[in-house]
Amino acid sequence: MIKWFKRFIKKLFHVEKEFLTSKKDESYFNSIIIMDKTPNEDSLNEKDFVEVVYRNQSYWAIFNCPCGCKNVISLPLQKNHNPHWRLEHTIEGKPTLYPSVWQNNGCLSHFWLVNGKIEWCGNTGIEPWIAEPNYYEKPKR
């Protein structure tokens, strides 16, 4: 419990610092890079947002976690995956994702990506099954 609380406080201060020091209208992802193959994790730059498209079908959205933990997030965009995300290209060519992204291990970041901007959720740093026990189950290991 103490370990969890320390992680929560650390994440809370990190998110608060990010919120206070960043410009509200500043985009985190300024464009979508379209590739036909999944990139190597080492080749991703901090603010790269990659959509993997093969034969006109969107397969994956891949990017580094915006909290700075350096974890690569890979989200399925195919409807036959559960869960899956929907990616929209804005008029400015920036990404918008539905639903939100919530890391269930590691940094436990929870955020929305809207028009290239990161909108942090208040329950960032808390395991989903603790923050929302009626909606999420603890993963079986």
Foldseek 3Di string as FASTA:
>chain_A
DVVLVVLLVVLVVLVVCCVVPDDPPDFLAQAEAEAQDDDDLVPADQRYWYFHAHPNRTFWTWHAPNSPPSDIDIAGQDPVDVPHKPWDQDPSRAIFIPDWDADQDDQRWTFGQDRRHTHGDPCGSPHCCVVPVVPDDRDDD
